[in-house]
Amino acid sequence: MTDQAPASPNPDADERVAHAAMRGVIAAMAMTGMRSLTVSLGLVKETPPRAIVRQTSKGMFRVVPKRLRRAAVELMHWGYGAAGGAGFALLPADLRLRRWSGPAYGLLVWLGFELVQAPLMGLDQAKKARPVERAALAVDHLMYGLVLSETRRRRRE
């Protein structure tokens, strides 16, 4: 009996998904920078991760010390970015490798939030028009998709 885990049936796919999850985290980090800018400019009133926690946590988030709450919200967003990146990696290669696929995927993630997730969660944002804010959030999701799709091809070594 060995202590090693059984080999994966598809190590290339596992590596692709892990790499895409990492890109998803990096893309979510880039979104954080974009959102700092759009909030500072008054284009976005409250970021979606913050709104989700504030409006849906029902006090559960209070177990997190106040000084760590902003970091906890950010870590949650990065986790969501990782999951989105892994989902992108699972798309068929014929679709995933097209130049437009990443930005389109990012926009679909945003539309899913705006049209499905926010209304189901009863978020205040879902009840208001907010055209400028929605445009700013669409742009940061386009950027998310660009990071996921790695717009430049990597050289093979």
Protein backbone atom coordinates (compact mmCIF):
# COMPACT_ATOMS: atom_id res chain seq x y z
CA MET A 1 0.00 0.00 0.00
CA THR A 2 1.38 3.42 -0.96
CA ASP A 3 0.60 6.90 0.28
CA GLN A 4 0.45 8.31 -3.25
CA ALA A 5 -2.81 9.48 -4.74
CA PRO A 6 -3.90 7.61 -7.87
CA ALA A 7 -2.76 9.21 -11.10
CA SER A 8 -5.26 11.49 -12.79
CA PRO A 9 -6.87 10.01 -15.89
CA ASN A 10 -6.12 13.27 -17.74
CA PRO A 11 -3.13 15.16 -16.30
CA ASP A 12 -3.07 17.64 -19.23
CA ALA A 13 -6.67 18.67 -18.49
CA ASP A 14 -5.90 18.94 -14.77
CA GLU A 15 -2.95 21.22 -15.51
CA ARG A 16 -5.05 23.32 -17.93
CA VAL A 17 -7.81 23.76 -15.33
CA ALA A 18 -5.32 24.63 -12.56
CA HIS A 19 -3.56 27.13 -14.83
CA ALA A 20 -6.87 28.72 -15.82
CA ALA A 21 -7.94 28.92 -12.17
CA MET A 22 -4.69 30.78 -11.43
CA ARG A 23 -5.40 33.15 -14.36
CA GLY A 24 -8.90 33.62 -12.93
CA VAL A 25 -7.40 34.76 -9.62
CA ILE A 26 -5.03 37.13 -11.42
CA ALA A 27 -7.93 38.46 -13.51
CA ALA A 28 -10.01 39.03 -10.36
CA MET A 29 -7.05 40.90 -8.86
CA ALA A 30 -6.91 43.11 -11.97
CA MET A 31 -10.65 43.73 -11.58
CA THR A 32 -9.95 44.94 -8.05
CA GLY A 33 -7.66 47.61 -9.46
CA MET A 34 -10.23 48.60 -12.07
CA ARG A 35 -12.94 48.78 -9.42
CA SER A 36 -10.80 50.92 -7.14
CA LEU A 37 -10.59 53.36 -10.03
CA THR A 38 -14.30 53.24 -10.95
CA VAL A 39 -15.39 53.62 -7.31
CA SER A 40 -12.98 56.54 -6.84
CA LEU A 41 -14.35 58.20 -9.98
CA GLY A 42 -17.91 57.73 -8.73
CA LEU A 43 -18.86 55.41 -11.60
CA VAL A 44 -19.55 52.45 -9.28
CA LYS A 45 -21.28 53.00 -5.96
CA GLU A 46 -20.60 49.59 -4.43
CA THR A 47 -18.74 46.65 -5.91
CA PRO A 48 -20.73 43.44 -6.39
CA PRO A 49 -18.63 41.37 -3.93
CA ARG A 50 -19.14 43.99 -1.22
CA ALA A 51 -22.86 44.27 -2.00
CA ILE A 52 -23.29 40.50 -1.81
CA VAL A 53 -21.67 40.32 1.60
CA ARG A 54 -23.41 43.40 2.96
CA GLN A 55 -26.87 42.51 1.72
CA THR A 56 -26.96 38.74 2.07
CA SER A 57 -24.70 37.65 4.92
CA LYS A 58 -27.36 38.19 7.62
CA GLY A 59 -24.71 38.93 10.19
CA MET A 60 -22.63 35.82 9.51
CA PHE A 61 -19.85 38.04 8.22
CA ARG A 62 -19.66 39.69 11.62
CA VAL A 63 -17.59 36.75 12.89
CA VAL A 64 -14.79 38.18 10.74
CA PRO A 65 -12.98 40.93 12.66
CA LYS A 66 -13.78 44.38 11.21
CA ARG A 67 -10.17 45.03 10.24
CA LEU A 68 -10.16 41.83 8.12
CA ARG A 69 -13.55 42.15 6.41
CA ARG A 70 -12.33 43.97 3.34
CA ALA A 71 -9.62 41.33 2.88
CA ALA A 72 -12.18 38.55 3.36
CA VAL A 73 -14.45 40.07 0.69
CA GLU A 74 -11.49 40.29 -1.67
CA LEU A 75 -10.46 36.69 -1.02
CA MET A 76 -14.02 35.58 -1.74
CA HIS A 77 -13.90 37.49 -5.05
CA TRP A 78 -10.58 35.88 -5.95
CA GLY A 79 -12.09 32.47 -5.20
CA TYR A 80 -14.99 33.26 -7.52
CA GLY A 81 -12.45 34.37 -10.13
CA ALA A 82 -10.60 31.06 -9.76
CA ALA A 83 -13.84 29.11 -10.22
CA GLY A 84 -14.67 31.15 -13.31
CA GLY A 85 -11.20 30.52 -14.71
CA ALA A 86 -11.54 26.79 -14.14
CA GLY A 87 -14.92 26.90 -15.89
CA PHE A 88 -13.33 28.66 -18.85
CA ALA A 89 -10.71 25.90 -19.10
CA LEU A 90 -13.47 23.30 -19.36
CA LEU A 91 -14.93 24.88 -22.51
CA PRO A 92 -14.25 22.92 -25.72
CA ALA A 93 -10.86 23.85 -27.20
CA ASP A 94 -12.45 24.92 -30.50
CA LEU A 95 -14.36 27.58 -28.59
CA ARG A 96 -11.85 28.40 -25.82
CA LEU A 97 -8.96 29.09 -28.21
CA ARG A 98 -10.73 31.72 -30.32
CA ARG A 99 -9.50 35.30 -29.76
CA TRP A 100 -12.93 36.57 -28.74
CA SER A 101 -13.76 33.71 -26.36
CA GLY A 102 -12.23 35.22 -23.21
CA PRO A 103 -13.88 38.63 -23.47
CA ALA A 104 -17.17 36.98 -24.46
CA TYR A 105 -16.89 34.65 -21.45
CA GLY A 106 -16.22 37.63 -19.17
CA LEU A 107 -19.32 39.39 -20.50
CA LEU A 108 -21.39 36.23 -20.01
CA VAL A 109 -20.21 36.01 -16.39
CA TRP A 110 -21.26 39.66 -15.91
CA LEU A 111 -24.63 39.11 -17.59
CA GLY A 112 -25.18 36.04 -15.43
CA PHE A 113 -24.63 38.18 -12.36
CA GLU A 114 -26.81 41.06 -13.57
CA LEU A 115 -29.69 39.00 -14.97
CA VAL A 116 -29.73 35.95 -12.70
CA GLN A 117 -27.58 36.05 -9.57
CA ALA A 118 -28.28 39.63 -8.38
CA PRO A 119 -32.08 39.33 -8.81
CA LEU A 120 -32.17 35.88 -7.16
CA MET A 121 -30.16 37.23 -4.22
CA GLY A 122 -32.45 40.25 -3.99
CA LEU A 123 -29.56 42.71 -4.30
CA ASP A 124 -30.47 46.39 -4.44
CA GLN A 125 -28.44 46.72 -7.66
CA ALA A 126 -30.89 44.44 -9.48
CA LYS A 127 -33.73 46.88 -8.79
CA LYS A 128 -32.12 49.99 -10.32
CA ALA A 129 -31.22 51.01 -13.89
CA ARG A 130 -27.56 52.07 -13.18
CA PRO A 131 -26.40 52.37 -16.85
CA VAL A 132 -23.01 53.95 -16.07
CA GLU A 133 -22.26 51.50 -13.27
CA ARG A 134 -23.30 48.54 -15.41
CA ALA A 135 -21.08 49.75 -18.25
CA ALA A 136 -18.11 50.06 -15.87
CA LEU A 137 -18.71 46.55 -14.52
CA ALA A 138 -19.06 45.18 -18.07
CA VAL A 139 -15.66 46.69 -18.94
CA ASP A 140 -13.96 45.10 -15.95
CA HIS A 141 -15.48 41.74 -16.93
CA LEU A 142 -14.14 42.20 -20.47
CA MET A 143 -10.72 42.68 -18.89
CA TYR A 144 -11.29 39.54 -16.76
CA GLY A 145 -11.94 37.60 -19.96
CA LEU A 146 -8.89 39.04 -21.70
CA VAL A 147 -6.68 37.85 -18.86
CA LEU A 148 -8.31 34.41 -18.97
CA SER A 149 -7.78 34.03 -22.70
CA GLU A 150 -4.11 35.04 -22.65
CA THR A 151 -4.32 37.30 -25.69
CA ARG A 152 -0.75 36.54 -26.79
CA ARG A 153 0.28 33.04 -27.72
CA ARG A 154 3.05 31.56 -25.58
CA ARG A 155 6.18 30.28 -27.28
CA ARG A 156 6.73 26.54 -27.11
CA GLU A 157 10.07 25.51 -25.66
